[in-house]
Amino acid sequence: MRGARSRAACSLLLLCGALGATGCPSAEAPSSEPAHAAEAAPAPLRWELERRFGDGGPVRYTIKLARTRFDLSQDLWVEEVLDFDRACEAALPDIVPGDLDGLRLARVVDLPGEQGPKRRVLRRRLLLEPEHTGTLRLAERWIFFTQPGAEGSTEGALRSEALTVAVDPLPENVEASVPPPEGIFRADPSPAPPTRWPWLFAALPALVALVALLRRRRHVFAPPRPAHEVALEALSRLDALGLLERGNLDGYFVTLSAILRDYIGRRFGIRAPAQTTQEFLRAAQDAPALLAYRATLASFLEQADAVKFAAQRLPIEAAQRARAEVEAFVRTTGALESAKGQALEPAAAEVSP
């Protein structure tokens, strides 16, 4: 009987040791997923910035930022709200690769919406992680919708403005905090000789914190993605939306023009997304790298303006040719960017006007 009790006591001690190695939350091994991926979306949040677009119209879009300045150890919550008439058909915009400049989409949280007798409300939150320091940009958002009319349904588009956030380096005094040992780590008065295992368990939280800090710091010097890669991915995403197949020529040209303007802004340093066509063409005259492509770009942008603002109807073949010209321009200038790794020199245009 005494031997059985001794074996039971030994088994209990081993079980306690196993719980100390695996059951303590502060001693868990670091996960392969980002730490914030398992974080529940905080509700409610206090928003530092809130912008509304489309007030007074059938569709209203609101974007909220939890903060506008933070460091690499912090994440950014963004909330999007789409409020539209029940008679309309609308949806929150897809996230195109070019929409996030220096920010990685870590999580999407769909929030409960609202349905009233006259309006519907859609909500979602995005958790963004900074990839490097500096001024990072959230591109303007395009919301396409359909509304009934006296002569049938008509299509419309609502455009928001681009927003920027400032990301600072990690503070110099960042230290990993280790909670004091509790529970099974407390040493009970016992004549047994001291053991090193409790000290090893107590050091594990510091090791986990250090690994997490190093994983976060590895993004500090990550260079931004080449502009042509972002643009080509956005063009592929545009094809996947199937706007031409659904007859949404207006939405197709709006998105195609936004992709081109965003690429020019990234590649040549011209504020194309925030300029009118005429303002952009005047700026292009002072940019030697764009002189060879000015006529082609002018033709495309004027065609896009005619579709967007003058309701000009073009055949699908014209839209496909315009898309091919944009891709050829991106590939031509992007190849020169990759080859030289510096400012583009004027070159003969390979894109037919």
Protein backbone atom coordinates (compact mmCIF):
# COMPACT_ATOMS: atom_id res chain seq x y z
CA MET A 1 0.00 0.00 0.00
CA ARG A 2 2.84 2.40 0.91
CA GLY A 3 4.52 1.68 -2.44
CA ALA A 4 1.29 2.42 -4.32
CA ARG A 5 0.93 5.76 -2.48
CA SER A 6 4.53 6.66 -3.35
CA ARG A 7 3.93 5.89 -7.01
CA ALA A 8 0.73 8.00 -6.98
CA ALA A 9 2.59 10.92 -5.38
CA CYS A 10 5.32 10.69 -8.04
CA SER A 11 2.69 10.66 -10.79
CA LEU A 12 1.05 13.77 -9.30
CA LEU A 13 4.38 15.61 -9.22
CA LEU A 14 5.09 14.70 -12.84
CA LEU A 15 1.64 15.92 -13.84
CA CYS A 16 2.24 19.26 -12.10
CA GLY A 17 5.55 19.59 -13.95
CA ALA A 18 3.83 18.89 -17.27
CA LEU A 19 1.21 21.53 -16.48
CA GLY A 20 3.99 23.99 -15.76
CA ALA A 21 5.60 23.27 -19.14
CA THR A 22 2.44 23.35 -21.26
CA GLY A 23 -0.45 24.85 -19.34
CA CYS A 24 0.92 28.23 -18.35
CA PRO A 25 -0.28 30.92 -20.78
CA SER A 26 2.94 32.91 -20.51
CA ALA A 27 5.02 29.90 -21.55
CA GLU A 28 3.29 29.17 -24.84
CA ALA A 29 5.44 28.74 -27.91
CA PRO A 30 5.10 31.55 -30.46
CA SER A 31 2.49 30.87 -33.14
CA SER A 32 3.29 30.90 -36.83
CA GLU A 33 0.39 33.35 -37.34
CA PRO A 34 0.67 37.06 -36.45
CA ALA A 35 -0.27 37.71 -32.85
CA HIS A 36 -3.07 40.03 -33.82
CA ALA A 37 -4.66 37.43 -36.15
CA ALA A 38 -6.35 35.82 -33.14
CA GLU A 39 -7.29 39.16 -31.57
CA ALA A 40 -11.01 39.83 -31.33
CA ALA A 41 -12.21 42.99 -33.01
CA PRO A 42 -12.62 45.58 -30.23
CA ALA A 43 -16.11 47.00 -29.95
CA PRO A 44 -16.75 49.78 -29.55
CA LEU A 45 -13.70 51.69 -30.74
CA ARG A 46 -12.82 55.35 -30.42
CA TRP A 47 -12.12 56.73 -33.88
CA GLU A 48 -9.50 59.42 -34.35
CA LEU A 49 -10.51 60.16 -37.95
CA GLU A 50 -13.89 59.79 -39.64
CA ARG A 51 -14.69 60.83 -43.23
CA ARG A 52 -18.07 60.69 -44.99
CA PHE A 53 -18.76 60.74 -48.72
CA GLY A 54 -21.98 60.97 -50.72
CA ASP A 55 -24.09 62.86 -48.18
CA GLY A 56 -27.51 63.58 -49.66
CA GLY A 57 -27.21 60.86 -52.31
CA PRO A 58 -28.66 57.38 -52.56
CA VAL A 59 -25.38 55.84 -51.36
CA ARG A 60 -23.22 57.10 -48.50
CA TYR A 61 -19.80 55.74 -47.56
CA THR A 62 -17.97 56.34 -44.27
CA ILE A 63 -14.42 55.32 -43.37
CA LYS A 64 -13.01 55.52 -39.85
CA LEU A 65 -9.43 55.21 -38.59
CA ALA A 66 -8.63 54.31 -34.99
CA ARG A 67 -5.38 56.29 -35.21
CA THR A 68 -3.46 58.35 -37.75
CA ARG A 69 0.00 58.11 -36.17
CA PHE A 70 1.53 55.02 -34.57
CA ASP A 71 4.71 52.95 -34.55
CA LEU A 72 5.70 49.59 -35.99
CA SER A 73 4.64 47.72 -32.87
CA GLN A 74 1.01 48.81 -33.30
CA ASP A 75 -1.77 47.84 -35.68
CA LEU A 76 -4.46 49.95 -37.31
CA TRP A 77 -8.19 49.26 -37.16
CA VAL A 78 -10.25 50.66 -40.03
CA GLU A 79 -14.04 50.55 -40.22
CA GLU A 80 -16.06 50.94 -43.42
CA VAL A 81 -19.79 51.74 -43.39
CA LEU A 82 -22.00 51.69 -46.49
CA ASP A 83 -25.48 53.22 -46.11
CA PHE A 84 -27.77 53.09 -49.16
CA ASP A 85 -31.42 53.11 -50.23
CA ARG A 86 -33.21 49.78 -50.12
CA ALA A 87 -34.10 50.20 -53.79
CA CYS A 88 -30.40 50.33 -54.73
CA GLU A 89 -27.97 47.47 -55.17
CA ALA A 90 -24.56 48.15 -53.62
CA ALA A 91 -21.76 46.39 -51.77
CA LEU A 92 -18.63 47.34 -49.89
CA PRO A 93 -15.72 47.61 -52.36
CA ASP A 94 -13.28 44.79 -52.88
CA ILE A 95 -9.75 45.31 -51.56
CA VAL A 96 -7.47 45.60 -54.61
CA PRO A 97 -3.73 44.99 -53.99
CA GLY A 98 -2.91 48.60 -54.85
CA ASP A 99 -5.28 49.97 -52.20
CA LEU A 100 -2.81 49.48 -49.33
CA ASP A 101 0.59 51.15 -49.61
CA GLY A 102 2.96 49.74 -47.01
CA LEU A 103 0.13 48.16 -45.02
CA ARG A 104 -0.67 44.45 -44.86
CA LEU A 105 -4.25 43.24 -44.50
CA ALA A 106 -4.15 40.96 -41.46
CA ARG A 107 -7.85 40.42 -40.82
CA VAL A 108 -11.34 41.25 -42.09
CA VAL A 109 -14.25 41.33 -39.62
CA ASP A 110 -17.79 41.52 -41.01
CA LEU A 111 -19.99 43.36 -38.53
CA PRO A 112 -23.78 43.03 -38.19
CA GLY A 113 -25.59 45.28 -40.63
CA GLU A 114 -28.93 47.03 -40.44
CA GLN A 115 -32.04 46.75 -42.60
CA GLY A 116 -34.77 49.32 -42.31
CA PRO A 117 -37.85 50.03 -44.38
CA LYS A 118 -35.98 52.57 -46.51
CA ARG A 119 -32.23 51.99 -46.09
CA ARG A 120 -29.64 49.27 -45.59
CA VAL A 121 -26.32 49.53 -43.75
CA LEU A 122 -23.27 47.30 -44.25
CA ARG A 123 -20.26 47.39 -41.92
CA ARG A 124 -16.87 45.74 -41.73
CA ARG A 125 -13.53 46.27 -40.01
CA LEU A 126 -10.06 45.80 -41.41
CA LEU A 127 -7.00 45.11 -39.27
CA LEU A 128 -3.90 46.52 -40.97
CA GLU A 129 -0.27 45.92 -40.04
CA PRO A 130 2.47 48.39 -41.08
CA GLU A 131 5.29 46.93 -43.16
CA HIS A 132 7.69 49.87 -42.86
CA THR A 133 7.93 53.38 -41.48
CA GLY A 134 6.96 56.61 -43.20
CA THR A 135 3.76 58.08 -44.58
CA LEU A 136 1.56 55.21 -45.74
CA ARG A 137 -1.46 55.65 -47.97
CA LEU A 138 -4.92 54.11 -48.12
CA ALA A 139 -6.09 54.63 -51.68
CA GLU A 140 -9.43 56.13 -52.56
CA ARG A 141 -12.33 53.68 -52.60
CA TRP A 142 -14.81 53.21 -55.43
CA ILE A 143 -18.36 52.07 -54.68
CA PHE A 144 -20.41 51.04 -57.71
CA PHE A 145 -24.17 50.82 -57.34
CA THR A 146 -27.35 50.39 -59.35
CA GLN A 147 -30.52 52.38 -58.72
CA PRO A 148 -33.95 52.15 -60.34
CA GLY A 149 -35.21 54.91 -62.60
CA ALA A 150 -38.18 55.81 -64.73
CA GLU A 151 -36.54 54.28 -67.81
CA GLY A 152 -34.92 51.35 -66.05
CA SER A 153 -31.95 50.82 -63.77
CA THR A 154 -28.99 53.16 -63.97
CA GLU A 155 -25.45 52.64 -62.69
CA GLY A 156 -23.50 55.05 -60.58
CA ALA A 157 -20.21 55.30 -58.73
CA LEU A 158 -19.15 56.98 -55.49
CA ARG A 159 -15.50 57.83 -54.91
CA SER A 160 -13.85 58.52 -51.56
CA GLU A 161 -10.58 60.33 -50.94
CA ALA A 162 -7.21 58.78 -50.21
CA LEU A 163 -6.10 58.85 -46.56
CA THR A 164 -2.61 58.79 -45.10
CA VAL A 165 -1.17 57.60 -41.80
CA ALA A 166 2.26 58.19 -40.26
CA VAL A 167 4.23 55.17 -38.99
CA ASP A 168 7.16 55.83 -36.66
CA PRO A 169 10.08 53.49 -35.85
CA LEU A 170 9.98 51.37 -32.73
CA PRO A 171 10.75 53.34 -29.57
CA GLU A 172 14.31 53.05 -28.32
CA ASN A 173 13.19 51.96 -24.83
CA VAL A 174 11.00 49.02 -25.89
CA GLU A 175 11.51 46.28 -23.30
CA ALA A 176 9.88 42.91 -22.88
CA SER A 177 7.92 42.82 -19.62
CA VAL A 178 7.92 39.51 -17.79
CA PRO A 179 5.14 38.93 -15.24
CA PRO A 180 6.19 37.65 -11.82
CA PRO A 181 6.00 33.87 -11.38
CA GLU A 182 2.73 32.68 -9.91
CA GLY A 183 0.92 29.46 -9.10
CA ILE A 184 3.07 26.38 -9.58
CA PHE A 185 6.18 28.58 -9.88
CA ARG A 186 6.02 29.57 -6.21
CA ALA A 187 8.51 27.62 -4.14
CA ASP A 188 6.91 25.90 -1.16
CA PRO A 189 8.97 25.27 1.97
CA SER A 190 10.45 21.87 1.39
CA PRO A 191 13.63 20.05 2.35
CA ALA A 192 14.01 19.02 -1.32
CA PRO A 193 17.10 20.43 -3.07
CA PRO A 194 16.53 23.50 -5.32
CA THR A 195 15.66 22.77 -8.96
CA ARG A 196 16.34 24.80 -12.09
CA TRP A 197 13.04 24.02 -13.84
CA PRO A 198 10.98 26.86 -12.28
CA TRP A 199 13.60 29.38 -13.41
CA LEU A 200 13.49 27.95 -16.91
CA PHE A 201 9.69 28.25 -16.97
CA ALA A 202 9.89 31.84 -15.70
CA ALA A 203 12.33 32.76 -18.51
CA LEU A 204 10.05 31.44 -21.27
CA PRO A 205 7.76 34.52 -21.35
CA ALA A 206 10.79 36.75 -21.91
CA LEU A 207 11.91 34.49 -24.76
CA VAL A 208 8.44 34.59 -26.34
CA ALA A 209 8.36 38.40 -26.08
CA LEU A 210 11.83 38.65 -27.63
CA VAL A 211 10.85 36.42 -30.57
CA ALA A 212 7.68 38.47 -31.17
CA LEU A 213 9.70 41.70 -31.06
CA LEU A 214 12.26 40.39 -33.55
CA ARG A 215 9.49 39.24 -35.90
CA ARG A 216 7.97 42.70 -35.77
CA ARG A 217 11.31 44.46 -36.32
CA ARG A 218 12.08 42.49 -39.46
CA HIS A 219 9.66 44.74 -41.36
CA VAL A 220 11.49 47.93 -40.43
CA PHE A 221 13.74 47.97 -43.46
CA ALA A 222 11.40 46.15 -45.86
CA PRO A 223 11.40 48.19 -49.10
CA PRO A 224 8.08 49.03 -50.73
CA ARG A 225 6.94 46.77 -53.55
CA PRO A 226 7.82 47.87 -57.09
CA ALA A 227 5.09 50.05 -58.55
CA HIS A 228 4.67 47.92 -61.68
CA GLU A 229 4.05 44.76 -59.63
CA VAL A 230 1.29 46.50 -57.67
CA ALA A 231 -0.28 47.81 -60.89
CA LEU A 232 -0.18 44.44 -62.68
CA GLU A 233 -1.85 42.75 -59.71
CA ALA A 234 -4.52 45.44 -59.71
CA LEU A 235 -5.14 44.86 -63.43
CA SER A 236 -5.57 41.14 -62.79
CA ARG A 237 -8.02 41.96 -60.02
CA LEU A 238 -9.92 44.24 -62.41
CA ASP A 239 -10.26 41.35 -64.87
CA ALA A 240 -11.59 39.12 -62.10
CA LEU A 241 -14.33 41.62 -61.24
CA GLY A 242 -16.01 40.92 -64.60
CA LEU A 243 -17.26 44.50 -65.08
CA LEU A 244 -17.19 44.30 -68.88
CA GLU A 245 -19.09 41.03 -68.89
CA ARG A 246 -21.81 42.69 -66.78
CA GLY A 247 -21.91 45.74 -69.07
CA ASN A 248 -20.49 48.10 -66.43
CA LEU A 249 -18.32 50.13 -68.82
CA ASP A 250 -18.35 53.18 -66.56
CA GLY A 251 -17.08 51.24 -63.57
CA TYR A 252 -14.46 49.52 -65.73
CA PHE A 253 -12.96 52.81 -66.98
CA VAL A 254 -13.15 54.38 -63.52
CA THR A 255 -11.14 51.52 -62.02
CA LEU A 256 -8.72 51.27 -64.96
CA SER A 257 -8.01 55.00 -64.78
CA ALA A 258 -7.47 54.79 -61.01
CA ILE A 259 -4.95 51.95 -61.47
CA LEU A 260 -3.02 53.94 -64.10
CA ARG A 261 -3.00 57.12 -62.03
CA ASP A 262 -1.87 55.26 -58.92
CA TYR A 263 0.97 53.63 -60.88
CA ILE A 264 2.14 56.96 -62.30
CA GLY A 265 2.08 58.49 -58.83
CA ARG A 266 4.20 55.65 -57.39
CA ARG A 267 6.55 55.26 -60.36
CA PHE A 268 7.21 58.84 -61.44
CA GLY A 269 6.40 60.83 -58.30
CA ILE A 270 3.57 62.80 -59.92
CA ARG A 271 0.40 63.34 -57.88
CA ALA A 272 -1.70 61.82 -60.64
CA PRO A 273 -4.45 60.37 -58.38
CA ALA A 274 -5.26 63.83 -56.99
CA GLN A 275 -5.11 65.76 -60.31
CA THR A 276 -7.54 66.34 -63.12
CA THR A 277 -6.55 65.14 -66.58
CA GLN A 278 -5.46 68.61 -67.69
CA GLU A 279 -3.47 69.19 -64.48
CA PHE A 280 -1.74 65.86 -64.98
CA LEU A 281 -0.87 66.58 -68.63
CA ARG A 282 0.64 69.92 -67.66
CA ALA A 283 2.71 68.20 -64.98
CA ALA A 284 3.81 65.56 -67.49
CA GLN A 285 5.35 68.27 -69.66
CA ASP A 286 7.82 68.96 -66.86
CA ALA A 287 8.62 65.25 -66.33
CA PRO A 288 11.20 64.11 -68.90
CA ALA A 289 10.48 60.46 -68.10
CA LEU A 290 6.90 60.84 -69.36
CA LEU A 291 7.48 62.90 -72.52
CA ALA A 292 7.62 59.82 -74.75
CA TYR A 293 4.26 58.60 -73.38
CA ARG A 294 2.38 61.89 -73.07
CA ALA A 295 0.28 61.49 -76.23
CA THR A 296 -0.76 57.94 -75.34
CA LEU A 297 -1.63 58.87 -71.77
CA ALA A 298 -3.59 61.92 -72.93
CA SER A 299 -5.63 59.80 -75.35
CA PHE A 300 -6.51 57.24 -72.70
CA LEU A 301 -7.35 59.71 -69.92
CA GLU A 302 -9.53 61.86 -72.18
CA GLN A 303 -11.34 58.72 -73.34
CA ALA A 304 -11.88 57.67 -69.72
CA ASP A 305 -13.21 61.14 -68.83
CA ALA A 306 -15.67 60.94 -71.73
CA VAL A 307 -17.01 57.65 -70.40
CA LYS A 308 -17.12 58.74 -66.77
CA PHE A 309 -18.44 62.29 -67.06
CA ALA A 310 -20.09 62.55 -70.49
CA ALA A 311 -21.75 59.11 -70.41
CA GLN A 312 -20.16 58.20 -73.75
CA ARG A 313 -20.87 54.60 -74.75
CA LEU A 314 -17.97 52.67 -76.25
CA PRO A 315 -17.81 49.10 -77.56
CA ILE A 316 -16.25 46.46 -75.35
CA GLU A 317 -13.38 46.17 -77.84
CA ALA A 318 -12.40 49.80 -77.12
CA ALA A 319 -12.26 49.09 -73.38
CA GLN A 320 -10.15 45.99 -74.00
CA ARG A 321 -7.73 47.97 -76.18
CA ALA A 322 -7.44 50.62 -73.47
CA ARG A 323 -6.67 47.96 -70.88
CA ALA A 324 -3.99 46.46 -73.15
CA GLU A 325 -2.40 49.91 -73.61
CA VAL A 326 -2.28 50.48 -69.86
CA GLU A 327 -0.66 47.09 -69.27
CA ALA A 328 1.89 47.70 -72.06
CA PHE A 329 2.77 51.08 -70.52
CA VAL A 330 3.19 49.53 -67.07
CA ARG A 331 5.30 46.64 -68.34
CA THR A 332 7.51 48.87 -70.50
CA THR A 333 8.28 51.44 -67.82
CA GLY A 334 8.36 48.80 -65.10
CA ALA A 335 10.98 46.76 -66.98
CA LEU A 336 13.17 49.85 -67.28
CA GLU A 337 12.70 50.51 -63.57
CA SER A 338 13.83 46.99 -62.68
CA ALA A 339 16.79 47.12 -65.06
CA LYS A 340 18.14 50.49 -63.99
CA GLY A 341 16.98 50.73 -60.39
CA GLN A 342 16.95 54.51 -60.74
CA ALA A 343 14.98 57.33 -62.35
CA LEU A 344 13.62 56.39 -65.76
CA GLU A 345 15.30 57.99 -68.74
CA PRO A 346 13.19 59.04 -71.75
CA ALA A 347 12.65 56.10 -74.07
CA ALA A 348 10.79 55.40 -77.27
CA ALA A 349 7.18 54.57 -76.57
CA GLU A 350 6.16 51.03 -77.30
CA VAL A 351 2.49 51.77 -76.74
CA SER A 352 0.38 52.66 -79.74
CA PRO A 353 -1.71 55.81 -79.24
